[in-house]
Amino acid sequence: MSEYFSKINVPAYDSNKNGLNIELALHTIASDELKIKSKGSIAEALQLNFERTLEVMISIKKSWECLENYSYFIESKNNDFIVRDSKSSSMAIAIMLMNIYRKINKQPELKIFTGTGILRADGGFDSANLELVKKKNINECKMYSEFLTSSNCNHLFDLEEIMINTIRN
């Protein structure tokens, strides 16, 4: 039975507009039925956006349809925050799902990426609130070397290409 794991820090900000990094873990297991469950208040708040991101990916590229053959368990251990808007987590969620897709295809996970952006139904990304605050916080933590936004990655196809080119370089 195929199982995969990925995690990412989702860039966010608090009510005082200070940057935050919220760790999100994703466990997948091969399944005849697509199921998505979550644990932790932040994961629960991001679940609908996760479902939407997965749905968009599956709908725009035939090879990504394999992601339908898994059940997903999203977990956040940090429950100190209330999520008011989860749309900007789409870029980070897409990166996590792209890493799962890479693992399914026996390619290495790329842990150097995170980002923020709002996913559109056509697979494009729109800018998110306080991108510079989020980027500054991520840079200060020195956890990721690549911070993606709609300005340097404006579509899911761009994300895939960026990840492929990272391996080549």
N, C-alpha and C. Protein backbone atom coordinates (compact mmCIF):
# COMPACT_ATOMS: atom_id res chain seq x y z
N MET A 1 0.85 -1.18 0.00
CA MET A 1 0.00 0.00 0.00
C MET A 1 0.89 1.24 0.00
N SER A 2 0.62 2.17 -0.88
CA SER A 2 1.43 3.37 -1.03
C SER A 2 1.03 4.43 -0.01
N GLU A 3 2.02 4.90 0.72
CA GLU A 3 1.81 5.99 1.68
C GLU A 3 2.90 7.03 1.46
N TYR A 4 2.50 8.31 1.61
CA TYR A 4 3.45 9.40 1.44
C TYR A 4 3.19 10.45 2.52
N PHE A 5 4.23 11.22 2.79
CA PHE A 5 4.16 12.25 3.81
C PHE A 5 4.87 13.49 3.28
N SER A 6 4.31 14.64 3.60
CA SER A 6 4.96 15.91 3.27
C SER A 6 4.56 16.93 4.33
N LYS A 7 5.38 17.91 4.52
CA LYS A 7 5.00 19.01 5.41
C LYS A 7 5.55 20.31 4.87
N ILE A 8 4.91 21.37 5.30
CA ILE A 8 5.31 22.70 4.85
C ILE A 8 4.92 23.70 5.91
N ASN A 9 5.61 24.80 5.96
CA ASN A 9 5.20 25.91 6.81
C ASN A 9 4.42 26.88 5.95
N VAL A 10 3.19 27.10 6.33
CA VAL A 10 2.32 27.99 5.60
C VAL A 10 2.56 29.42 6.10
N PRO A 11 2.97 30.33 5.24
CA PRO A 11 3.17 31.71 5.66
C PRO A 11 1.83 32.36 6.02
N ALA A 12 1.81 33.06 7.13
CA ALA A 12 0.58 33.71 7.59
C ALA A 12 0.96 34.97 8.35
N TYR A 13 -0.03 35.61 8.94
CA TYR A 13 0.23 36.76 9.80
C TYR A 13 -0.84 36.82 10.88
N ASP A 14 -0.47 37.46 12.00
CA ASP A 14 -1.41 37.56 13.11
C ASP A 14 -2.20 38.87 13.03
N SER A 15 -3.03 39.13 14.02
CA SER A 15 -3.89 40.32 14.01
C SER A 15 -3.09 41.62 14.07
N ASN A 16 -1.83 41.54 14.50
CA ASN A 16 -0.96 42.72 14.53
C ASN A 16 -0.10 42.83 13.27
N LYS A 17 -0.38 41.99 12.30
CA LYS A 17 0.33 41.95 11.02
C LYS A 17 1.80 41.55 11.16
N ASN A 18 2.06 40.69 12.15
CA ASN A 18 3.37 40.07 12.31
C ASN A 18 3.36 38.75 11.55
N GLY A 19 4.45 38.43 10.88
CA GLY A 19 4.53 37.19 10.12
C GLY A 19 4.55 35.97 11.01
N LEU A 20 3.92 34.92 10.53
CA LEU A 20 3.86 33.63 11.23
C LEU A 20 4.20 32.50 10.26
N ASN A 21 4.65 31.41 10.79
CA ASN A 21 4.85 30.18 10.03
C ASN A 21 4.05 29.09 10.72
N ILE A 22 3.08 28.55 10.03
CA ILE A 22 2.23 27.52 10.60
C ILE A 22 2.57 26.19 9.92
N GLU A 23 3.09 25.24 10.69
CA GLU A 23 3.45 23.95 10.12
C GLU A 23 2.20 23.13 9.82
N LEU A 24 2.16 22.60 8.63
CA LEU A 24 1.06 21.77 8.18
C LEU A 24 1.66 20.47 7.67
N ALA A 25 1.17 19.35 8.19
CA ALA A 25 1.66 18.03 7.77
C ALA A 25 0.57 17.35 6.95
N LEU A 26 0.99 16.59 5.96
CA LEU A 26 0.06 15.89 5.09
C LEU A 26 0.48 14.43 4.98
N HIS A 27 -0.43 13.55 5.36
CA HIS A 27 -0.23 12.11 5.23
C HIS A 27 -1.19 11.63 4.14
N THR A 28 -0.69 10.81 3.24
CA THR A 28 -1.54 10.26 2.18
C THR A 28 -1.42 8.75 2.19
N ILE A 29 -2.48 8.10 1.78
CA ILE A 29 -2.47 6.65 1.65
C ILE A 29 -3.34 6.29 0.46
N ALA A 30 -2.86 5.34 -0.34
CA ALA A 30 -3.62 4.90 -1.51
C ALA A 30 -4.99 4.42 -1.05
N SER A 31 -5.99 4.77 -1.84
CA SER A 31 -7.37 4.46 -1.43
C SER A 31 -8.27 4.38 -2.66
N ASP A 32 -9.30 3.55 -2.56
CA ASP A 32 -10.30 3.47 -3.63
C ASP A 32 -11.23 4.67 -3.61
N GLU A 33 -11.25 5.36 -2.48
CA GLU A 33 -12.16 6.50 -2.32
C GLU A 33 -11.39 7.69 -1.79
N LEU A 34 -11.55 8.82 -2.45
CA LEU A 34 -10.91 10.06 -2.02
C LEU A 34 -11.57 10.55 -0.73
N LYS A 35 -10.79 10.63 0.34
CA LYS A 35 -11.28 11.15 1.61
C LYS A 35 -10.27 12.17 2.11
N ILE A 36 -10.77 13.20 2.75
CA ILE A 36 -9.90 14.22 3.32
C ILE A 36 -10.36 14.47 4.75
N LYS A 37 -9.43 14.30 5.68
CA LYS A 37 -9.71 14.54 7.09
C LYS A 37 -8.64 15.47 7.63
N SER A 38 -8.94 16.12 8.74
CA SER A 38 -7.97 17.03 9.33
C SER A 38 -8.02 16.93 10.84
N LYS A 39 -6.91 17.35 11.45
CA LYS A 39 -6.80 17.35 12.91
C LYS A 39 -6.05 18.62 13.31
N GLY A 40 -6.59 19.32 14.26
CA GLY A 40 -6.00 20.58 14.71
C GLY A 40 -6.79 21.73 14.14
N SER A 41 -6.95 22.77 14.92
CA SER A 41 -7.83 23.87 14.51
C SER A 41 -7.38 24.55 13.21
N ILE A 42 -6.09 24.66 13.00
CA ILE A 42 -5.62 25.31 11.77
C ILE A 42 -5.84 24.39 10.57
N ALA A 43 -5.51 23.11 10.72
CA ALA A 43 -5.74 22.17 9.63
C ALA A 43 -7.22 22.10 9.28
N GLU A 44 -8.06 22.11 10.29
CA GLU A 44 -9.50 22.08 10.04
C GLU A 44 -9.96 23.33 9.29
N ALA A 45 -9.38 24.47 9.63
CA ALA A 45 -9.73 25.72 8.95
C ALA A 45 -9.22 25.74 7.51
N LEU A 46 -8.14 25.03 7.23
CA LEU A 46 -7.57 25.01 5.88
C LEU A 46 -8.11 23.86 5.02
N GLN A 47 -8.90 22.97 5.60
CA GLN A 47 -9.35 21.78 4.88
C GLN A 47 -10.14 22.12 3.61
N LEU A 48 -11.05 23.06 3.67
CA LEU A 48 -11.82 23.41 2.47
C LEU A 48 -10.93 23.95 1.37
N ASN A 49 -9.93 24.75 1.74
CA ASN A 49 -9.00 25.26 0.74
C ASN A 49 -8.13 24.13 0.18
N PHE A 50 -7.77 23.18 1.03
CA PHE A 50 -7.03 22.00 0.57
C PHE A 50 -7.87 21.25 -0.47
N GLU A 51 -9.14 21.01 -0.13
CA GLU A 51 -10.02 20.29 -1.05
C GLU A 51 -10.14 21.02 -2.38
N ARG A 52 -10.27 22.33 -2.32
CA ARG A 52 -10.40 23.13 -3.53
C ARG A 52 -9.12 23.09 -4.36
N THR A 53 -7.98 23.22 -3.71
CA THR A 53 -6.69 23.17 -4.42
C THR A 53 -6.51 21.83 -5.11
N LEU A 54 -6.82 20.76 -4.40
CA LEU A 54 -6.74 19.41 -4.97
C LEU A 54 -7.68 19.28 -6.17
N GLU A 55 -8.89 19.76 -6.03
CA GLU A 55 -9.89 19.71 -7.10
C GLU A 55 -9.41 20.46 -8.35
N VAL A 56 -8.83 21.65 -8.15
CA VAL A 56 -8.33 22.42 -9.29
C VAL A 56 -7.19 21.68 -9.97
N MET A 57 -6.26 21.15 -9.19
CA MET A 57 -5.13 20.43 -9.78
C MET A 57 -5.62 19.25 -10.62
N ILE A 58 -6.52 18.47 -10.06
CA ILE A 58 -7.02 17.28 -10.75
C ILE A 58 -7.76 17.66 -12.03
N SER A 59 -8.42 18.80 -12.02
CA SER A 59 -9.23 19.19 -13.17
C SER A 59 -8.44 19.79 -14.33
N ILE A 60 -7.23 20.25 -14.09
CA ILE A 60 -6.53 20.96 -15.17
C ILE A 60 -5.39 20.17 -15.84
N LYS A 61 -5.01 19.03 -15.24
CA LYS A 61 -3.94 18.26 -15.87
C LYS A 61 -4.18 16.76 -15.67
N LYS A 62 -4.21 16.05 -16.77
CA LYS A 62 -4.52 14.63 -16.75
C LYS A 62 -3.61 13.84 -15.81
N SER A 63 -2.32 14.09 -15.84
CA SER A 63 -1.40 13.31 -15.01
C SER A 63 -1.60 13.55 -13.51
N TRP A 64 -2.17 14.70 -13.15
CA TRP A 64 -2.43 14.97 -11.73
C TRP A 64 -3.66 14.25 -11.22
N GLU A 65 -4.43 13.64 -12.12
CA GLU A 65 -5.62 12.89 -11.70
C GLU A 65 -5.28 11.74 -10.76
N CYS A 66 -4.04 11.28 -10.78
CA CYS A 66 -3.64 10.20 -9.87
C CYS A 66 -3.81 10.61 -8.40
N LEU A 67 -3.84 11.91 -8.14
CA LEU A 67 -4.02 12.39 -6.77
C LEU A 67 -5.40 12.03 -6.21
N GLU A 68 -6.34 11.67 -7.10
CA GLU A 68 -7.67 11.23 -6.67
C GLU A 68 -7.64 9.86 -6.02
N ASN A 69 -6.57 9.11 -6.21
CA ASN A 69 -6.48 7.74 -5.73
C ASN A 69 -5.90 7.64 -4.33
N TYR A 70 -6.01 8.71 -3.57
CA TYR A 70 -5.44 8.75 -2.23
C TYR A 70 -6.45 9.37 -1.26
N SER A 71 -6.29 8.98 -0.01
CA SER A 71 -6.98 9.66 1.08
C SER A 71 -5.95 10.54 1.75
N TYR A 72 -6.40 11.66 2.29
CA TYR A 72 -5.50 12.67 2.84
C TYR A 72 -5.86 12.97 4.29
N PHE A 73 -4.82 13.10 5.08
CA PHE A 73 -4.99 13.51 6.48
C PHE A 73 -4.09 14.71 6.71
N ILE A 74 -4.70 15.86 6.99
CA ILE A 74 -3.97 17.11 7.20
C ILE A 74 -3.90 17.35 8.70
N GLU A 75 -2.72 17.72 9.19
CA GLU A 75 -2.57 17.92 10.63
C GLU A 75 -1.78 19.18 10.94
N SER A 76 -2.26 19.92 11.93
CA SER A 76 -1.52 21.06 12.48
C SER A 76 -1.47 20.88 13.98
N LYS A 77 -0.29 21.06 14.53
CA LYS A 77 -0.13 20.92 15.98
C LYS A 77 -0.26 22.25 16.69
N ASN A 78 -0.02 23.34 15.97
CA ASN A 78 -0.12 24.66 16.58
C ASN A 78 -1.58 25.11 16.50
N ASN A 79 -2.22 25.22 17.65
CA ASN A 79 -3.63 25.60 17.70
C ASN A 79 -3.84 26.94 18.39
N ASP A 80 -2.79 27.76 18.41
CA ASP A 80 -2.85 29.04 19.12
C ASP A 80 -3.50 30.16 18.33
N PHE A 81 -3.88 29.89 17.09
CA PHE A 81 -4.40 30.96 16.23
C PHE A 81 -5.75 30.59 15.65
N ILE A 82 -6.51 31.62 15.34
CA ILE A 82 -7.79 31.44 14.67
C ILE A 82 -7.60 31.89 13.23
N VAL A 83 -7.96 31.04 12.30
CA VAL A 83 -7.82 31.35 10.88
C VAL A 83 -9.04 32.14 10.42
N ARG A 84 -8.80 33.33 9.92
CA ARG A 84 -9.89 34.18 9.43
C ARG A 84 -10.06 34.04 7.92
N ASP A 85 -8.97 33.79 7.22
CA ASP A 85 -9.02 33.68 5.77
C ASP A 85 -7.96 32.67 5.34
N SER A 86 -8.36 31.64 4.66
CA SER A 86 -7.42 30.58 4.30
C SER A 86 -7.02 30.58 2.83
N LYS A 87 -7.59 31.47 2.04
CA LYS A 87 -7.36 31.43 0.59
C LYS A 87 -5.88 31.55 0.22
N SER A 88 -5.13 32.36 0.96
CA SER A 88 -3.72 32.58 0.60
C SER A 88 -2.85 31.36 0.86
N SER A 89 -3.38 30.36 1.55
CA SER A 89 -2.62 29.13 1.79
C SER A 89 -2.55 28.25 0.55
N SER A 90 -3.27 28.63 -0.52
CA SER A 90 -3.33 27.80 -1.73
C SER A 90 -1.96 27.49 -2.31
N MET A 91 -1.07 28.46 -2.35
CA MET A 91 0.26 28.22 -2.93
C MET A 91 1.01 27.17 -2.11
N ALA A 92 1.02 27.31 -0.79
CA ALA A 92 1.72 26.34 0.07
C ALA A 92 1.08 24.95 -0.06
N ILE A 93 -0.23 24.90 -0.10
CA ILE A 93 -0.92 23.61 -0.26
C ILE A 93 -0.58 22.99 -1.61
N ALA A 94 -0.55 23.81 -2.67
CA ALA A 94 -0.19 23.30 -3.99
C ALA A 94 1.24 22.76 -4.00
N ILE A 95 2.14 23.42 -3.33
CA ILE A 95 3.53 22.94 -3.23
C ILE A 95 3.55 21.58 -2.54
N MET A 96 2.80 21.46 -1.44
CA MET A 96 2.74 20.19 -0.72
C MET A 96 2.17 19.08 -1.60
N LEU A 97 1.08 19.38 -2.31
CA LEU A 97 0.48 18.38 -3.21
C LEU A 97 1.41 18.05 -4.38
N MET A 98 2.13 19.05 -4.87
CA MET A 98 3.08 18.80 -5.95
C MET A 98 4.19 17.86 -5.45
N ASN A 99 4.61 18.04 -4.20
CA ASN A 99 5.62 17.14 -3.64
C ASN A 99 5.07 15.72 -3.49
N ILE A 100 3.81 15.57 -3.11
CA ILE A 100 3.20 14.24 -3.05
C ILE A 100 3.17 13.63 -4.45
N TYR A 101 2.77 14.42 -5.44
CA TYR A 101 2.75 13.96 -6.82
C TYR A 101 4.16 13.51 -7.25
N ARG A 102 5.15 14.28 -6.88
CA ARG A 102 6.53 13.92 -7.21
C ARG A 102 6.90 12.58 -6.57
N LYS A 103 6.52 12.39 -5.31
CA LYS A 103 6.83 11.13 -4.62
C LYS A 103 6.12 9.95 -5.28
N ILE A 104 4.87 10.14 -5.66
CA ILE A 104 4.12 9.09 -6.35
C ILE A 104 4.87 8.66 -7.61
N ASN A 105 5.49 9.63 -8.27
CA ASN A 105 6.24 9.38 -9.50
C ASN A 105 7.72 9.12 -9.26
N LYS A 106 8.03 8.76 -8.02
CA LYS A 106 9.40 8.37 -7.63
C LYS A 106 10.43 9.46 -7.89
N GLN A 107 10.01 10.71 -7.67
CA GLN A 107 10.91 11.85 -7.77
C GLN A 107 11.10 12.41 -6.36
N PRO A 108 12.20 13.09 -6.12
CA PRO A 108 12.45 13.59 -4.77
C PRO A 108 11.53 14.76 -4.39
N GLU A 109 11.20 14.82 -3.13
CA GLU A 109 10.47 15.97 -2.59
C GLU A 109 11.41 17.16 -2.56
N LEU A 110 10.87 18.32 -2.86
CA LEU A 110 11.68 19.55 -2.82
C LEU A 110 11.24 20.37 -1.61
N LYS A 111 12.06 20.38 -0.59
CA LYS A 111 11.70 21.04 0.67
C LYS A 111 12.16 22.49 0.73
N ILE A 112 12.60 23.04 -0.38
CA ILE A 112 13.13 24.40 -0.37
C ILE A 112 12.06 25.45 -0.63
N PHE A 113 10.84 25.01 -0.98
CA PHE A 113 9.79 25.93 -1.39
C PHE A 113 8.71 26.14 -0.34
N THR A 114 8.24 27.35 -0.26
CA THR A 114 6.97 27.69 0.36
C THR A 114 6.46 28.91 -0.39
N GLY A 115 5.29 29.37 -0.02
CA GLY A 115 4.77 30.53 -0.72
C GLY A 115 3.37 30.89 -0.28
N THR A 116 2.89 31.96 -0.88
CA THR A 116 1.55 32.44 -0.58
C THR A 116 0.91 32.93 -1.88
N GLY A 117 -0.35 32.61 -2.03
CA GLY A 117 -1.07 33.02 -3.23
C GLY A 117 -2.46 32.40 -3.23
N ILE A 118 -3.37 33.05 -3.90
CA ILE A 118 -4.76 32.62 -3.96
C ILE A 118 -4.98 31.91 -5.30
N LEU A 119 -5.36 30.65 -5.24
CA LEU A 119 -5.55 29.84 -6.44
C LEU A 119 -6.90 30.13 -7.08
N ARG A 120 -6.86 30.39 -8.38
CA ARG A 120 -8.10 30.57 -9.16
C ARG A 120 -8.51 29.21 -9.74
N ALA A 121 -9.75 29.12 -10.19
CA ALA A 121 -10.28 27.87 -10.75
C ALA A 121 -9.54 27.43 -12.01
N ASP A 122 -8.90 28.38 -12.72
CA ASP A 122 -8.16 28.04 -13.93
C ASP A 122 -6.71 27.63 -13.65
N GLY A 123 -6.34 27.55 -12.37
CA GLY A 123 -4.98 27.15 -12.00
C GLY A 123 -4.02 28.30 -11.82
N GLY A 124 -4.47 29.51 -12.08
CA GLY A 124 -3.63 30.68 -11.89
C GLY A 124 -3.63 31.13 -10.43
N PHE A 125 -2.62 31.89 -10.07
CA PHE A 125 -2.52 32.42 -8.71
C PHE A 125 -2.68 33.93 -8.73
N ASP A 126 -3.44 34.45 -7.78
CA ASP A 126 -3.54 35.88 -7.53
C ASP A 126 -2.72 36.21 -6.29
N SER A 127 -2.35 37.47 -6.15
CA SER A 127 -1.55 37.89 -5.00
C SER A 127 -2.36 37.77 -3.71
N ALA A 128 -1.64 37.66 -2.61
CA ALA A 128 -2.25 37.53 -1.29
C ALA A 128 -1.90 38.75 -0.44
N ASN A 129 -2.63 38.95 0.62
CA ASN A 129 -2.36 40.05 1.54
C ASN A 129 -1.02 39.87 2.24
N LEU A 130 -0.35 40.96 2.45
CA LEU A 130 0.88 41.03 3.24
C LEU A 130 1.97 40.04 2.80
N GLU A 131 2.13 39.92 1.50
CA GLU A 131 3.15 39.01 0.98
C GLU A 131 4.55 39.35 1.49
N LEU A 132 4.88 40.62 1.54
CA LEU A 132 6.22 41.02 1.99
C LEU A 132 6.45 40.70 3.46
N VAL A 133 5.42 40.84 4.29
CA VAL A 133 5.52 40.49 5.71
C VAL A 133 5.77 38.99 5.85
N LYS A 134 5.04 38.21 5.08
CA LYS A 134 5.20 36.75 5.13
C LYS A 134 6.59 36.35 4.64
N LYS A 135 7.03 36.97 3.54
CA LYS A 135 8.35 36.64 2.99
C LYS A 135 9.45 37.00 3.97
N LYS A 136 9.36 38.17 4.58
CA LYS A 136 10.38 38.61 5.55
C LYS A 136 10.47 37.62 6.70
N ASN A 137 9.32 37.17 7.19
CA ASN A 137 9.31 36.22 8.29
C ASN A 137 9.93 34.88 7.89
N ILE A 138 9.60 34.41 6.71
CA ILE A 138 10.17 33.15 6.21
C ILE A 138 11.68 33.30 6.05
N ASN A 139 12.14 34.42 5.49
CA ASN A 139 13.57 34.64 5.31
C ASN A 139 14.31 34.69 6.64
N GLU A 140 13.69 35.31 7.64
CA GLU A 140 14.32 35.38 8.97
C GLU A 140 14.45 34.00 9.60
N CYS A 141 13.52 33.13 9.33
CA CYS A 141 13.56 31.77 9.88
C CYS A 141 14.56 30.88 9.14
N LYS A 142 14.95 31.29 7.93
CA LYS A 142 15.92 30.55 7.12
C LYS A 142 15.53 29.09 6.91
N MET A 143 14.22 28.86 6.77
CA MET A 143 13.73 27.49 6.58
C MET A 143 13.65 27.12 5.11
N TYR A 144 13.41 28.10 4.25
CA TYR A 144 13.20 27.85 2.83
C TYR A 144 14.06 28.82 2.04
N SER A 145 14.55 28.35 0.91
CA SER A 145 15.34 29.26 0.07
C SER A 145 14.51 29.84 -1.06
N GLU A 146 13.33 29.28 -1.31
CA GLU A 146 12.49 29.78 -2.39
C GLU A 146 11.10 30.13 -1.85
N PHE A 147 10.76 31.41 -1.94
CA PHE A 147 9.44 31.90 -1.52
C PHE A 147 8.67 32.30 -2.77
N LEU A 148 7.59 31.60 -3.03
CA LEU A 148 6.83 31.82 -4.27
C LEU A 148 5.57 32.64 -4.01
N THR A 149 5.30 33.54 -4.94
CA THR A 149 4.08 34.33 -4.95
C THR A 149 3.59 34.38 -6.39
N SER A 150 2.47 35.03 -6.61
CA SER A 150 1.96 35.14 -7.98
C SER A 150 2.90 35.92 -8.89
N SER A 151 3.79 36.72 -8.32
CA SER A 151 4.72 37.49 -9.16
C SER A 151 5.84 36.62 -9.75
N ASN A 152 6.20 35.52 -9.10
CA ASN A 152 7.23 34.65 -9.66
C ASN A 152 6.72 33.25 -10.00
N CYS A 153 5.43 33.01 -9.75
CA CYS A 153 4.79 31.73 -10.06
C CYS A 153 3.30 31.99 -10.20
N ASN A 154 2.85 32.29 -11.42
CA ASN A 154 1.45 32.70 -11.51
C ASN A 154 0.48 31.62 -11.98
N HIS A 155 0.94 30.36 -12.05
CA HIS A 155 0.04 29.26 -12.43
C HIS A 155 0.60 27.94 -11.89
N LEU A 156 -0.28 26.96 -11.71
CA LEU A 156 0.17 25.64 -11.26
C LEU A 156 1.18 25.04 -12.23
N PHE A 157 1.01 25.30 -13.53
CA PHE A 157 1.98 24.81 -14.51
C PHE A 157 3.34 25.45 -14.29
N ASP A 158 3.36 26.72 -13.90
CA ASP A 158 4.62 27.39 -13.57
C ASP A 158 5.27 26.74 -12.35
N LEU A 159 4.45 26.41 -11.36
CA LEU A 159 4.97 25.76 -10.15
C LEU A 159 5.64 24.44 -10.52
N GLU A 160 4.98 23.65 -11.32
CA GLU A 160 5.57 22.38 -11.74
C GLU A 160 6.88 22.62 -12.48
N GLU A 161 6.90 23.59 -13.38
CA GLU A 161 8.11 23.89 -14.16
C GLU A 161 9.24 24.38 -13.25
N ILE A 162 8.92 25.23 -12.30
CA ILE A 162 9.93 25.71 -11.35
C ILE A 162 10.53 24.54 -10.59
N MET A 163 9.70 23.61 -10.17
CA MET A 163 10.21 22.46 -9.42
C MET A 163 11.07 21.55 -10.31
N ILE A 164 10.65 21.34 -11.55
CA ILE A 164 11.43 20.54 -12.48
C ILE A 164 12.78 21.20 -12.75
N ASN A 165 12.78 22.50 -12.99
CA ASN A 165 14.03 23.21 -13.28
C ASN A 165 14.95 23.25 -12.08
N THR A 166 14.41 23.22 -10.88
CA THR A 166 15.24 23.20 -9.67
C THR A 166 16.07 21.92 -9.62
N ILE A 167 15.47 20.82 -10.02
CA ILE A 167 16.18 19.54 -10.04
C ILE A 167 17.29 19.57 -11.08
N ARG A 168 17.03 20.19 -12.22
CA ARG A 168 18.01 20.23 -13.31
C ARG A 168 19.22 21.09 -12.97
N ASN A 169 19.03 22.11 -12.14
CA ASN A 169 20.13 23.04 -11.84
C ASN A 169 21.01 22.57 -10.73
